[in-house]
Structures are given as C-alpha cells and as structure tokens.
Amino acid sequence: MQVLSNCELAVGLVKHTKKMDDGDYKFLLKLDSKYNFLLNKKNEKKTGGYLVVEIVPKDQDSKKLDLPKSGDKVMVWGAWVTDKPKGWHEIHPAWKVVIQ
C-alpha cells in the first residue's frame, strides 16, 4: 500500500459487503460526486467507478461493529491508499464507518 493521506472522509452508497479470507470486511462505495477525487483510473476500469473500503475488525470495538449493507448511505473515515498490486485507490483501513 502507498499512503496518500492518513485520514480522509468518503461519503456514498454501499454496493455490497463481503468478509475476506483474512477476516477483514470489504465493500464498494459509490461516492457522492464531491468525493470523486478519491478515485483514479484503475477504480474506473477495475471496480466500475467504486471506491474500495476495508474494515479491519481488530481496529474496531467488535461489540459495536455495525457493518453496512447494500444501499446504506455511509460516512467513512480512514487512510486513503493506493493498493499497489491492483493500482486502485482505497480507504484501508477504515477507522470509522457511520451508517446514516
């Protein structure tokens, strides 16, 4: 990962949430237009224009881990990074996710 910013806010609609093999949770976020600067060309080509967001459960209070569902409007704060192997931008890890 290449860190672009230690903390950024992203707001948008969740496409789906998936538990990864490493225990993290991943979802795609259709950003409100104000936050499109968080995307790059690889997001457009490989993720359909969505921002990838990963939640690392050990960074969260597991008793209060409220995962978003498809269609939820969320506010996400976390490290804005480039996933070097894939080339797209992500929020990884997400420090805080608020379902609106």
PDB file of N, CA and C in Angstrom:
ATOM      1  N   MET A   1       0.832  -1.181   0.000  1.00  0.00           N
ATOM      2  CA  MET A   1       0.000   0.000   0.000  1.00  0.00           C
ATOM      3  C   MET A   1       0.881   1.251   0.000  1.00  0.00           C
ATOM      4  N   GLN A   2       0.432   2.232  -0.747  1.00  0.00           N
ATOM      5  CA  GLN A   2       1.071   3.544  -0.716  1.00  0.00           C
ATOM      6  C   GLN A   2       0.082   4.504  -0.074  1.00  0.00           C
ATOM      7  N   VAL A   3       0.470   5.121   1.026  1.00  0.00           N
ATOM      8  CA  VAL A   3      -0.421   6.032   1.745  1.00  0.00           C
ATOM      9  C   VAL A   3      -0.455   7.375   1.025  1.00  0.00           C
ATOM     10  N   LEU A   4      -1.664   7.808   0.662  1.00  0.00           N
ATOM     11  CA  LEU A   4      -1.871   9.105   0.023  1.00  0.00           C
ATOM     12  C   LEU A   4      -2.244  10.155   1.061  1.00  0.00           C
ATOM     13  N   SER A   5      -2.980   9.724   2.091  1.00  0.00           N
ATOM     14  CA  SER A   5      -3.386  10.599   3.197  1.00  0.00           C
ATOM     15  C   SER A   5      -3.698   9.713   4.394  1.00  0.00           C
ATOM     16  N   ASN A   6      -3.268  10.140   5.581  1.00  0.00           N
ATOM     17  CA  ASN A   6      -3.518   9.345   6.786  1.00  0.00           C
ATOM     18  C   ASN A   6      -4.989   9.266   7.147  1.00  0.00           C
ATOM     19  N   CYS A   7      -5.759  10.298   6.792  1.00  0.00           N
ATOM     20  CA  CYS A   7      -7.189  10.271   7.121  1.00  0.00           C
ATOM     21  C   CYS A   7      -7.976  11.099   6.116  1.00  0.00           C
ATOM     22  N   GLU A   8      -8.932  10.465   5.471  1.00  0.00           N
ATOM     23  CA  GLU A   8      -9.840  11.132   4.534  1.00  0.00           C
ATOM     24  C   GLU A   8     -11.265  10.720   4.862  1.00  0.00           C
ATOM     25  N   LEU A   9     -12.193  11.571   4.496  1.00  0.00           N
ATOM     26  CA  LEU A   9     -13.623  11.291   4.612  1.00  0.00           C
ATOM     27  C   LEU A   9     -14.148  10.920   3.234  1.00  0.00           C
ATOM     28  N   ALA A  10     -14.962   9.873   3.185  1.00  0.00           N
ATOM     29  CA  ALA A  10     -15.658   9.480   1.957  1.00  0.00           C
ATOM     30  C   ALA A  10     -17.123   9.267   2.310  1.00  0.00           C
ATOM     31  N   VAL A  11     -18.015   9.738   1.439  1.00  0.00           N
ATOM     32  CA  VAL A  11     -19.453   9.600   1.666  1.00  0.00           C
ATOM     33  C   VAL A  11     -20.080   9.032   0.405  1.00  0.00           C
ATOM     34  N   GLY A  12     -20.959   8.044   0.590  1.00  0.00           N
ATOM     35  CA  GLY A  12     -21.632   7.466  -0.563  1.00  0.00           C
ATOM     36  C   GLY A  12     -22.518   6.302  -0.190  1.00  0.00           C
ATOM     37  N   LEU A  13     -22.925   5.551  -1.226  1.00  0.00           N
ATOM     38  CA  LEU A  13     -23.820   4.405  -1.062  1.00  0.00           C
ATOM     39  C   LEU A  13     -23.039   3.103  -1.196  1.00  0.00           C
ATOM     40  N   VAL A  14     -23.327   2.171  -0.301  1.00  0.00           N
ATOM     41  CA  VAL A  14     -22.661   0.873  -0.281  1.00  0.00           C
ATOM     42  C   VAL A  14     -23.245  -0.026  -1.361  1.00  0.00           C
ATOM     43  N   LYS A  15     -22.363  -0.707  -2.109  1.00  0.00           N
ATOM     44  CA  LYS A  15     -22.828  -1.665  -3.110  1.00  0.00           C
ATOM     45  C   LYS A  15     -23.024  -3.038  -2.482  1.00  0.00           C
ATOM     46  N   HIS A  16     -22.019  -3.557  -1.803  1.00  0.00           N
ATOM     47  CA  HIS A  16     -22.143  -4.838  -1.101  1.00  0.00           C
ATOM     48  C   HIS A  16     -21.018  -4.952  -0.092  1.00  0.00           C
ATOM     49  N   THR A  17     -21.203  -5.808   0.892  1.00  0.00           N
ATOM     50  CA  THR A  17     -20.189  -6.055   1.919  1.00  0.00           C
ATOM     51  C   THR A  17     -19.805  -7.524   1.866  1.00  0.00           C
ATOM     52  N   LYS A  18     -18.510  -7.783   1.972  1.00  0.00           N
ATOM     53  CA  LYS A  18     -18.007  -9.153   1.857  1.00  0.00           C
ATOM     54  C   LYS A  18     -16.938  -9.385   2.923  1.00  0.00           C
ATOM     55  N   LYS A  19     -16.988 -10.547   3.570  1.00  0.00           N
ATOM     56  CA  LYS A  19     -15.929 -10.920   4.507  1.00  0.00           C
ATOM     57  C   LYS A  19     -14.806 -11.566   3.705  1.00  0.00           C
ATOM     58  N   MET A  20     -13.592 -11.076   3.914  1.00  0.00           N
ATOM     59  CA  MET A  20     -12.432 -11.576   3.187  1.00  0.00           C
ATOM     60  C   MET A  20     -11.805 -12.747   3.947  1.00  0.00           C
ATOM     61  N   ASP A  21     -10.960 -13.503   3.261  1.00  0.00           N
ATOM     62  CA  ASP A  21     -10.289 -14.654   3.871  1.00  0.00           C
ATOM     63  C   ASP A  21      -9.436 -14.272   5.081  1.00  0.00           C
ATOM     64  N   ASP A  22      -8.918 -13.029   5.086  1.00  0.00           N
ATOM     65  CA  ASP A  22      -8.071 -12.589   6.202  1.00  0.00           C
ATOM     66  C   ASP A  22      -8.880 -12.050   7.384  1.00  0.00           C
ATOM     67  N   GLY A  23     -10.223 -12.086   7.275  1.00  0.00           N
ATOM     68  CA  GLY A  23     -11.081 -11.617   8.361  1.00  0.00           C
ATOM     69  C   GLY A  23     -11.529 -10.174   8.226  1.00  0.00           C
ATOM     70  N   ASP A  24     -10.920  -9.424   7.297  1.00  0.00           N
ATOM     71  CA  ASP A  24     -11.350  -8.049   7.050  1.00  0.00           C
ATOM     72  C   ASP A  24     -12.697  -8.057   6.337  1.00  0.00           C
ATOM     73  N   TYR A  25     -13.388  -6.923   6.396  1.00  0.00           N
ATOM     74  CA  TYR A  25     -14.629  -6.741   5.653  1.00  0.00           C
ATOM     75  C   TYR A  25     -14.382  -5.703   4.577  1.00  0.00           C
ATOM     76  N   LYS A  26     -14.856  -5.991   3.379  1.00  0.00           N
ATOM     77  CA  LYS A  26     -14.636  -5.124   2.228  1.00  0.00           C
ATOM     78  C   LYS A  26     -15.982  -4.744   1.641  1.00  0.00           C
ATOM     79  N   PHE A  27     -16.112  -3.474   1.249  1.00  0.00           N
ATOM     80  CA  PHE A  27     -17.294  -3.081   0.493  1.00  0.00           C
ATOM     81  C   PHE A  27     -16.917  -2.033  -0.539  1.00  0.00           C
ATOM     82  N   LEU A  28     -17.769  -1.904  -1.531  1.00  0.00           N
ATOM     83  CA  LEU A  28     -17.592  -0.901  -2.573  1.00  0.00           C
ATOM     84  C   LEU A  28     -18.503   0.269  -2.263  1.00  0.00           C
ATOM     85  N   LEU A  29     -18.000   1.470  -2.522  1.00  0.00           N
ATOM     86  CA  LEU A  29     -18.732   2.688  -2.196  1.00  0.00           C
ATOM     87  C   LEU A  29     -18.901   3.538  -3.441  1.00  0.00           C
ATOM     88  N   LYS A  30     -20.163   3.802  -3.813  1.00  0.00           N
ATOM     89  CA  LYS A  30     -20.470   4.732  -4.903  1.00  0.00           C
ATOM     90  C   LYS A  30     -20.460   6.117  -4.288  1.00  0.00           C
ATOM     91  N   LEU A  31     -19.403   6.845  -4.557  1.00  0.00           N
ATOM     92  CA  LEU A  31     -19.177   8.117  -3.886  1.00  0.00           C
ATOM     93  C   LEU A  31     -20.151   9.204  -4.309  1.00  0.00           C
ATOM     94  N   ASP A  32     -20.529  10.052  -3.352  1.00  0.00           N
ATOM     95  CA  ASP A  32     -21.175  11.313  -3.695  1.00  0.00           C
ATOM     96  C   ASP A  32     -20.167  12.076  -4.550  1.00  0.00           C
ATOM     97  N   SER A  33     -20.634  12.825  -5.542  1.00  0.00           N
ATOM     98  CA  SER A  33     -19.745  13.446  -6.529  1.00  0.00           C
ATOM     99  C   SER A  33     -18.653  14.309  -5.899  1.00  0.00           C
ATOM    100  N   LYS A  34     -18.926  14.903  -4.771  1.00  0.00           N
ATOM    101  CA  LYS A  34     -17.949  15.746  -4.071  1.00  0.00           C
ATOM    102  C   LYS A  34     -16.672  14.970  -3.713  1.00  0.00           C
ATOM    103  N   TYR A  35     -16.776  13.647  -3.608  1.00  0.00           N
ATOM    104  CA  TYR A  35     -15.656  12.812  -3.165  1.00  0.00           C
ATOM    105  C   TYR A  35     -15.006  12.020  -4.300  1.00  0.00           C
ATOM    106  N   ASN A  36     -15.384  12.305  -5.543  1.00  0.00           N
ATOM    107  CA  ASN A  36     -14.826  11.564  -6.680  1.00  0.00           C
ATOM    108  C   ASN A  36     -13.318  11.733  -6.835  1.00  0.00           C
ATOM    109  N   PHE A  37     -12.747  12.766  -6.198  1.00  0.00           N
ATOM    110  CA  PHE A  37     -11.294  12.953  -6.262  1.00  0.00           C
ATOM    111  C   PHE A  37     -10.547  11.779  -5.617  1.00  0.00           C
ATOM    112  N   LEU A  38     -11.248  10.973  -4.816  1.00  0.00           N
ATOM    113  CA  LEU A  38     -10.626   9.826  -4.154  1.00  0.00           C
ATOM    114  C   LEU A  38     -10.387   8.655  -5.115  1.00  0.00           C
ATOM    115  N   LEU A  39     -10.963   8.726  -6.311  1.00  0.00           N
ATOM    116  CA  LEU A  39     -10.841   7.654  -7.303  1.00  0.00           C
ATOM    117  C   LEU A  39      -9.691   7.932  -8.264  1.00  0.00           C
ATOM    118  N   ASN A  40      -9.223   6.880  -8.912  1.00  0.00           N
ATOM    119  CA  ASN A  40      -8.270   7.044 -10.010  1.00  0.00           C
ATOM    120  C   ASN A  40      -8.763   6.234 -11.214  1.00  0.00           C
ATOM    121  N   LYS A  41      -7.981   6.197 -12.272  1.00  0.00           N
ATOM    122  CA  LYS A  41      -8.410   5.494 -13.492  1.00  0.00           C
ATOM    123  C   LYS A  41      -8.582   3.998 -13.275  1.00  0.00           C
ATOM    124  N   LYS A  42      -7.788   3.415 -12.377  1.00  0.00           N
ATOM    125  CA  LYS A  42      -7.925   1.978 -12.087  1.00  0.00           C
ATOM    126  C   LYS A  42      -9.257   1.696 -11.398  1.00  0.00           C
ATOM    127  N   ASN A  43      -9.730   2.615 -10.549  1.00  0.00           N
ATOM    128  CA  ASN A  43     -11.062   2.447  -9.965  1.00  0.00           C
ATOM    129  C   ASN A  43     -12.110   2.432 -11.077  1.00  0.00           C
ATOM    130  N   GLU A  44     -11.953   3.313 -12.042  1.00  0.00           N
ATOM    131  CA  GLU A  44     -12.917   3.373 -13.143  1.00  0.00           C
ATOM    132  C   GLU A  44     -12.903   2.071 -13.943  1.00  0.00           C
ATOM    133  N   LYS A  45     -11.711   1.553 -14.249  1.00  0.00           N
ATOM    134  CA  LYS A  45     -11.587   0.362 -15.092  1.00  0.00           C
ATOM    135  C   LYS A  45     -11.868  -0.944 -14.358  1.00  0.00           C
ATOM    136  N   LYS A  46     -11.383  -1.068 -13.109  1.00  0.00           N
ATOM    137  CA  LYS A  46     -11.416  -2.365 -12.430  1.00  0.00           C
ATOM    138  C   LYS A  46     -12.517  -2.523 -11.385  1.00  0.00           C
ATOM    139  N   THR A  47     -13.052  -1.409 -10.860  1.00  0.00           N
ATOM    140  CA  THR A  47     -14.091  -1.528  -9.827  1.00  0.00           C
ATOM    141  C   THR A  47     -15.406  -0.898 -10.265  1.00  0.00           C
ATOM    142  N   GLY A  48     -15.482  -0.499 -11.528  1.00  0.00           N
ATOM    143  CA  GLY A  48     -16.711   0.107 -12.019  1.00  0.00           C
ATOM    144  C   GLY A  48     -16.953   1.507 -11.483  1.00  0.00           C
ATOM    145  N   GLY A  49     -15.887   2.177 -11.048  1.00  0.00           N
ATOM    146  CA  GLY A  49     -16.016   3.537 -10.536  1.00  0.00           C
ATOM    147  C   GLY A  49     -16.333   3.611  -9.053  1.00  0.00           C
ATOM    148  N   TYR A  50     -16.201   2.496  -8.368  1.00  0.00           N
ATOM    149  CA  TYR A  50     -16.445   2.460  -6.919  1.00  0.00           C
ATOM    150  C   TYR A  50     -15.131   2.600  -6.161  1.00  0.00           C
ATOM    151  N   LEU A  51     -15.218   3.162  -4.947  1.00  0.00           N
ATOM    152  CA  LEU A  51     -14.087   3.192  -4.034  1.00  0.00           C
ATOM    153  C   LEU A  51     -14.130   1.935  -3.183  1.00  0.00           C
ATOM    154  N   VAL A  52     -13.013   1.249  -3.068  1.00  0.00           N
ATOM    155  CA  VAL A  52     -12.906   0.059  -2.226  1.00  0.00           C
ATOM    156  C   VAL A  52     -12.661   0.521  -0.791  1.00  0.00           C
ATOM    157  N   VAL A  53     -13.413  -0.051   0.156  1.00  0.00           N
ATOM    158  CA  VAL A  53     -13.251   0.272   1.579  1.00  0.00           C
ATOM    159  C   VAL A  53     -13.038  -1.036   2.330  1.00  0.00           C
ATOM    160  N   GLU A  54     -12.014  -1.066   3.194  1.00  0.00           N
ATOM    161  CA  GLU A  54     -11.772  -2.257   4.017  1.00  0.00           C
ATOM    162  C   GLU A  54     -11.781  -1.890   5.492  1.00  0.00           C
ATOM    163  N   ILE A  55     -12.541  -2.680   6.243  1.00  0.00           N
ATOM    164  CA  ILE A  55     -12.606  -2.553   7.696  1.00  0.00           C
ATOM    165  C   ILE A  55     -11.784  -3.691   8.286  1.00  0.00           C
ATOM    166  N   VAL A  56     -10.856  -3.351   9.169  1.00  0.00           N
ATOM    167  CA  VAL A  56     -10.055  -4.350   9.874  1.00  0.00           C
ATOM    168  C   VAL A  56     -10.686  -4.512  11.257  1.00  0.00           C
ATOM    169  N   PRO A  57     -11.379  -5.642  11.510  1.00  0.00           N
ATOM    170  CA  PRO A  57     -12.112  -5.795  12.767  1.00  0.00           C
ATOM    171  C   PRO A  57     -11.282  -5.572  14.021  1.00  0.00           C
ATOM    172  N   LYS A  58     -10.013  -5.965  14.016  1.00  0.00           N
ATOM    173  CA  LYS A  58      -9.206  -5.794  15.229  1.00  0.00           C
ATOM    174  C   LYS A  58      -8.962  -4.317  15.541  1.00  0.00           C
ATOM    175  N   ASP A  59      -9.189  -3.421  14.561  1.00  0.00           N
ATOM    176  CA  ASP A  59      -9.076  -1.979  14.794  1.00  0.00           C
ATOM    177  C   ASP A  59     -10.358  -1.399  15.387  1.00  0.00           C
ATOM    178  N   GLN A  60     -11.416  -2.193  15.455  1.00  0.00           N
ATOM    179  CA  GLN A  60     -12.735  -1.720  15.874  1.00  0.00           C
ATOM    180  C   GLN A  60     -13.106  -2.332  17.218  1.00  0.00           C
ATOM    181  N   ASP A  61     -14.105  -1.743  17.860  1.00  0.00           N
ATOM    182  CA  ASP A  61     -14.709  -2.356  19.040  1.00  0.00           C
ATOM    183  C   ASP A  61     -15.666  -3.413  18.506  1.00  0.00           C
ATOM    184  N   SER A  62     -15.265  -4.681  18.592  1.00  0.00           N
ATOM    185  CA  SER A  62     -16.031  -5.757  17.953  1.00  0.00           C
ATOM    186  C   SER A  62     -17.456  -5.866  18.486  1.00  0.00           C
ATOM    187  N   LYS A  63     -17.712  -5.374  19.688  1.00  0.00           N
ATOM    188  CA  LYS A  63     -19.073  -5.405  20.233  1.00  0.00           C
ATOM    189  C   LYS A  63     -19.970  -4.406  19.513  1.00  0.00           C
ATOM    190  N   LYS A  64     -19.353  -3.412  18.884  1.00  0.00           N
ATOM    191  CA  LYS A  64     -20.120  -2.349  18.233  1.00  0.00           C
ATOM    192  C   LYS A  64     -19.906  -2.317  16.724  1.00  0.00           C
ATOM    193  N   LEU A  65     -19.300  -3.347  16.161  1.00  0.00           N
ATOM    194  CA  LEU A  65     -19.020  -3.370  14.728  1.00  0.00           C
ATOM    195  C   LEU A  65     -20.329  -3.543  13.969  1.00  0.00           C
ATOM    196  N   ASP A  66     -20.789  -2.461  13.385  1.00  0.00           N
ATOM    197  CA  ASP A  66     -22.052  -2.431  12.662  1.00  0.00           C
ATOM    198  C   ASP A  66     -21.728  -2.331  11.177  1.00  0.00           C
ATOM    199  N   LEU A  67     -21.784  -3.448  10.471  1.00  0.00           N
ATOM    200  CA  LEU A  67     -21.412  -3.466   9.058  1.00  0.00           C
ATOM    201  C   LEU A  67     -22.519  -2.888   8.195  1.00  0.00           C
ATOM    202  N   PRO A  68     -22.143  -2.050   7.222  1.00  0.00           N
ATOM    203  CA  PRO A  68     -23.151  -1.520   6.312  1.00  0.00           C
ATOM    204  C   PRO A  68     -23.632  -2.592   5.339  1.00  0.00           C
ATOM    205  N   LYS A  69     -24.841  -2.383   4.835  1.00  0.00           N
ATOM    206  CA  LYS A  69     -25.438  -3.291   3.852  1.00  0.00           C
ATOM    207  C   LYS A  69     -25.618  -2.548   2.532  1.00  0.00           C
ATOM    208  N   SER A  70     -25.830  -3.295   1.467  1.00  0.00           N
ATOM    209  CA  SER A  70     -26.083  -2.686   0.160  1.00  0.00           C
ATOM    210  C   SER A  70     -27.195  -1.662   0.270  1.00  0.00           C
ATOM    211  N   GLY A  71     -26.941  -0.494  -0.305  1.00  0.00           N
ATOM    212  CA  GLY A  71     -27.932   0.571  -0.304  1.00  0.00           C
ATOM    213  C   GLY A  71     -27.808   1.539   0.856  1.00  0.00           C
ATOM    214  N   ASP A  72     -27.035   1.183   1.889  1.00  0.00           N
ATOM    215  CA  ASP A  72     -26.839   2.095   3.021  1.00  0.00           C
ATOM    216  C   ASP A  72     -26.021   3.304   2.592  1.00  0.00           C
ATOM    217  N   LYS A  73     -26.417   4.467   3.082  1.00  0.00           N
ATOM    218  CA  LYS A  73     -25.617   5.687   2.913  1.00  0.00           C
ATOM    219  C   LYS A  73     -24.669   5.741   4.104  1.00  0.00           C
ATOM    220  N   VAL A  74     -23.366   5.886   3.827  1.00  0.00           N
ATOM    221  CA  VAL A  74     -22.381   5.875   4.905  1.00  0.00           C
ATOM    222  C   VAL A  74     -21.396   7.033   4.784  1.00  0.00           C
ATOM    223  N   MET A  75     -20.834   7.362   5.934  1.00  0.00           N
ATOM    224  CA  MET A  75     -19.683   8.251   6.030  1.00  0.00           C
ATOM    225  C   MET A  75     -18.538   7.370   6.524  1.00  0.00           C
ATOM    226  N   VAL A  76     -17.396   7.441   5.848  1.00  0.00           N
ATOM    227  CA  VAL A  76     -16.245   6.597   6.174  1.00  0.00           C
ATOM    228  C   VAL A  76     -15.023   7.490   6.372  1.00  0.00           C
ATOM    229  N   TRP A  77     -14.299   7.247   7.468  1.00  0.00           N
ATOM    230  CA  TRP A  77     -13.026   7.910   7.710  1.00  0.00           C
ATOM    231  C   TRP A  77     -11.948   6.848   7.755  1.00  0.00           C
ATOM    232  N   GLY A  78     -10.815   7.132   7.126  1.00  0.00           N
ATOM    233  CA  GLY A  78      -9.722   6.174   7.172  1.00  0.00           C
ATOM    234  C   GLY A  78      -8.552   6.610   6.321  1.00  0.00           C
ATOM    235  N   ALA A  79      -7.555   5.739   6.250  1.00  0.00           N
ATOM    236  CA  ALA A  79      -6.366   6.010   5.448  1.00  0.00           C
ATOM    237  C   ALA A  79      -6.718   5.842   3.966  1.00  0.00           C
ATOM    238  N   TRP A  80      -6.365   6.847   3.187  1.00  0.00           N
ATOM    239  CA  TRP A  80      -6.575   6.809   1.732  1.00  0.00           C
ATOM    240  C   TRP A  80      -5.280   6.287   1.125  1.00  0.00           C
ATOM    241  N   VAL A  81      -5.366   5.159   0.449  1.00  0.00           N
ATOM    242  CA  VAL A  81      -4.170   4.482  -0.050  1.00  0.00           C
ATOM    243  C   VAL A  81      -4.360   4.025  -1.491  1.00  0.00           C
ATOM    244  N   THR A  82      -3.235   3.732  -2.130  1.00  0.00           N
ATOM    245  CA  THR A  82      -3.245   3.022  -3.404  1.00  0.00           C
ATOM    246  C   THR A  82      -2.866   1.581  -3.113  1.00  0.00           C
ATOM    247  N   ASP A  83      -3.711   0.652  -3.533  1.00  0.00           N
ATOM    248  CA  ASP A  83      -3.394  -0.774  -3.436  1.00  0.00           C
ATOM    249  C   ASP A  83      -2.406  -1.052  -4.561  1.00  0.00           C
ATOM    250  N   LYS A  84      -1.133  -1.150  -4.225  1.00  0.00           N
ATOM    251  CA  LYS A  84      -0.089  -1.244  -5.259  1.00  0.00           C
ATOM    252  C   LYS A  84      -0.274  -2.405  -6.229  1.00  0.00           C
ATOM    253  N   PRO A  85      -0.581  -3.625  -5.757  1.00  0.00           N
ATOM    254  CA  PRO A  85      -0.738  -4.702  -6.742  1.00  0.00           C
ATOM    255  C   PRO A  85      -1.888  -4.452  -7.723  1.00  0.00           C
ATOM    256  N   LYS A  86      -2.973  -3.859  -7.240  1.00  0.00           N
ATOM    257  CA  LYS A  86      -4.148  -3.677  -8.100  1.00  0.00           C
ATOM    258  C   LYS A  86      -4.189  -2.301  -8.749  1.00  0.00           C
ATOM    259  N   GLY A  87      -3.577  -1.314  -8.104  1.00  0.00           N
ATOM    260  CA  GLY A  87      -3.484   0.015  -8.685  1.00  0.00           C
ATOM    261  C   GLY A  87      -4.607   0.968  -8.332  1.00  0.00           C
ATOM    262  N   TRP A  88      -5.689   0.468  -7.750  1.00  0.00           N
ATOM    263  CA  TRP A  88      -6.805   1.367  -7.437  1.00  0.00           C
ATOM    264  C   TRP A  88      -6.626   2.011  -6.069  1.00  0.00           C
ATOM    265  N   HIS A  89      -7.438   3.046  -5.830  1.00  0.00           N
ATOM    266  CA  HIS A  89      -7.433   3.723  -4.539  1.00  0.00           C
ATOM    267  C   HIS A  89      -8.452   3.075  -3.613  1.00  0.00           C
ATOM    268  N   GLU A  90      -8.137   3.103  -2.314  1.00  0.00           N
ATOM    269  CA  GLU A  90      -8.993   2.516  -1.278  1.00  0.00           C
ATOM    270  C   GLU A  90      -8.971   3.391  -0.032  1.00  0.00           C
ATOM    271  N   ILE A  91      -9.946   3.174   0.825  1.00  0.00           N
ATOM    272  CA  ILE A  91      -9.854   3.578   2.222  1.00  0.00           C
ATOM    273  C   ILE A  91      -9.533   2.280   2.954  1.00  0.00           C
ATOM    274  N   HIS A  92      -8.302   2.195   3.484  1.00  0.00           N
ATOM    275  CA  HIS A  92      -7.836   0.937   4.095  1.00  0.00           C
ATOM    276  C   HIS A  92      -6.710   1.227   5.076  1.00  0.00           C
ATOM    277  N   PRO A  93      -6.944   1.087   6.341  1.00  0.00           N
ATOM    278  CA  PRO A  93      -8.194   0.631   6.940  1.00  0.00           C
ATOM    279  C   PRO A  93      -9.162   1.789   7.158  1.00  0.00           C
ATOM    280  N   ALA A  94     -10.435   1.427   7.243  1.00  0.00           N
ATOM    281  CA  ALA A  94     -11.458   2.403   7.627  1.00  0.00           C
ATOM    282  C   ALA A  94     -11.444   2.491   9.147  1.00  0.00           C
ATOM    283  N   TRP A  95     -11.209   3.685   9.677  1.00  0.00           N
ATOM    284  CA  TRP A  95     -11.168   3.871  11.131  1.00  0.00           C
ATOM    285  C   TRP A  95     -12.570   3.928  11.714  1.00  0.00           C
ATOM    286  N   LYS A  96     -13.482   4.557  10.942  1.00  0.00           N
ATOM    287  CA  LYS A  96     -14.849   4.751  11.445  1.00  0.00           C
ATOM    288  C   LYS A  96     -15.813   4.717  10.273  1.00  0.00           C
ATOM    289  N   VAL A  97     -16.921   4.001  10.454  1.00  0.00           N
ATOM    290  CA  VAL A  97     -17.987   3.942   9.451  1.00  0.00           C
ATOM    291  C   VAL A  97     -19.289   4.285  10.159  1.00  0.00           C
ATOM    292  N   VAL A  98     -19.964   5.324   9.667  1.00  0.00           N
ATOM    293  CA  VAL A  98     -21.240   5.743  10.248  1.00  0.00           C
ATOM    294  C   VAL A  98     -22.325   5.540   9.204  1.00  0.00           C
ATOM    295  N   ILE A  99     -23.313   4.719   9.552  1.00  0.00           N
ATOM    296  CA  ILE A  99     -24.458   4.497   8.667  1.00  0.00           C
ATOM    297  C   ILE A  99     -25.458   5.609   8.933  1.00  0.00           C
ATOM    298  N   GLN A 100     -25.844   6.323   7.881  1.00  0.00           N
ATOM    299  CA  GLN A 100     -26.753   7.465   8.038  1.00  0.00           C
ATOM    300  C   GLN A 100     -28.194   7.050   7.939  1.00  0.00           C
TER     301      GLN A 100
END
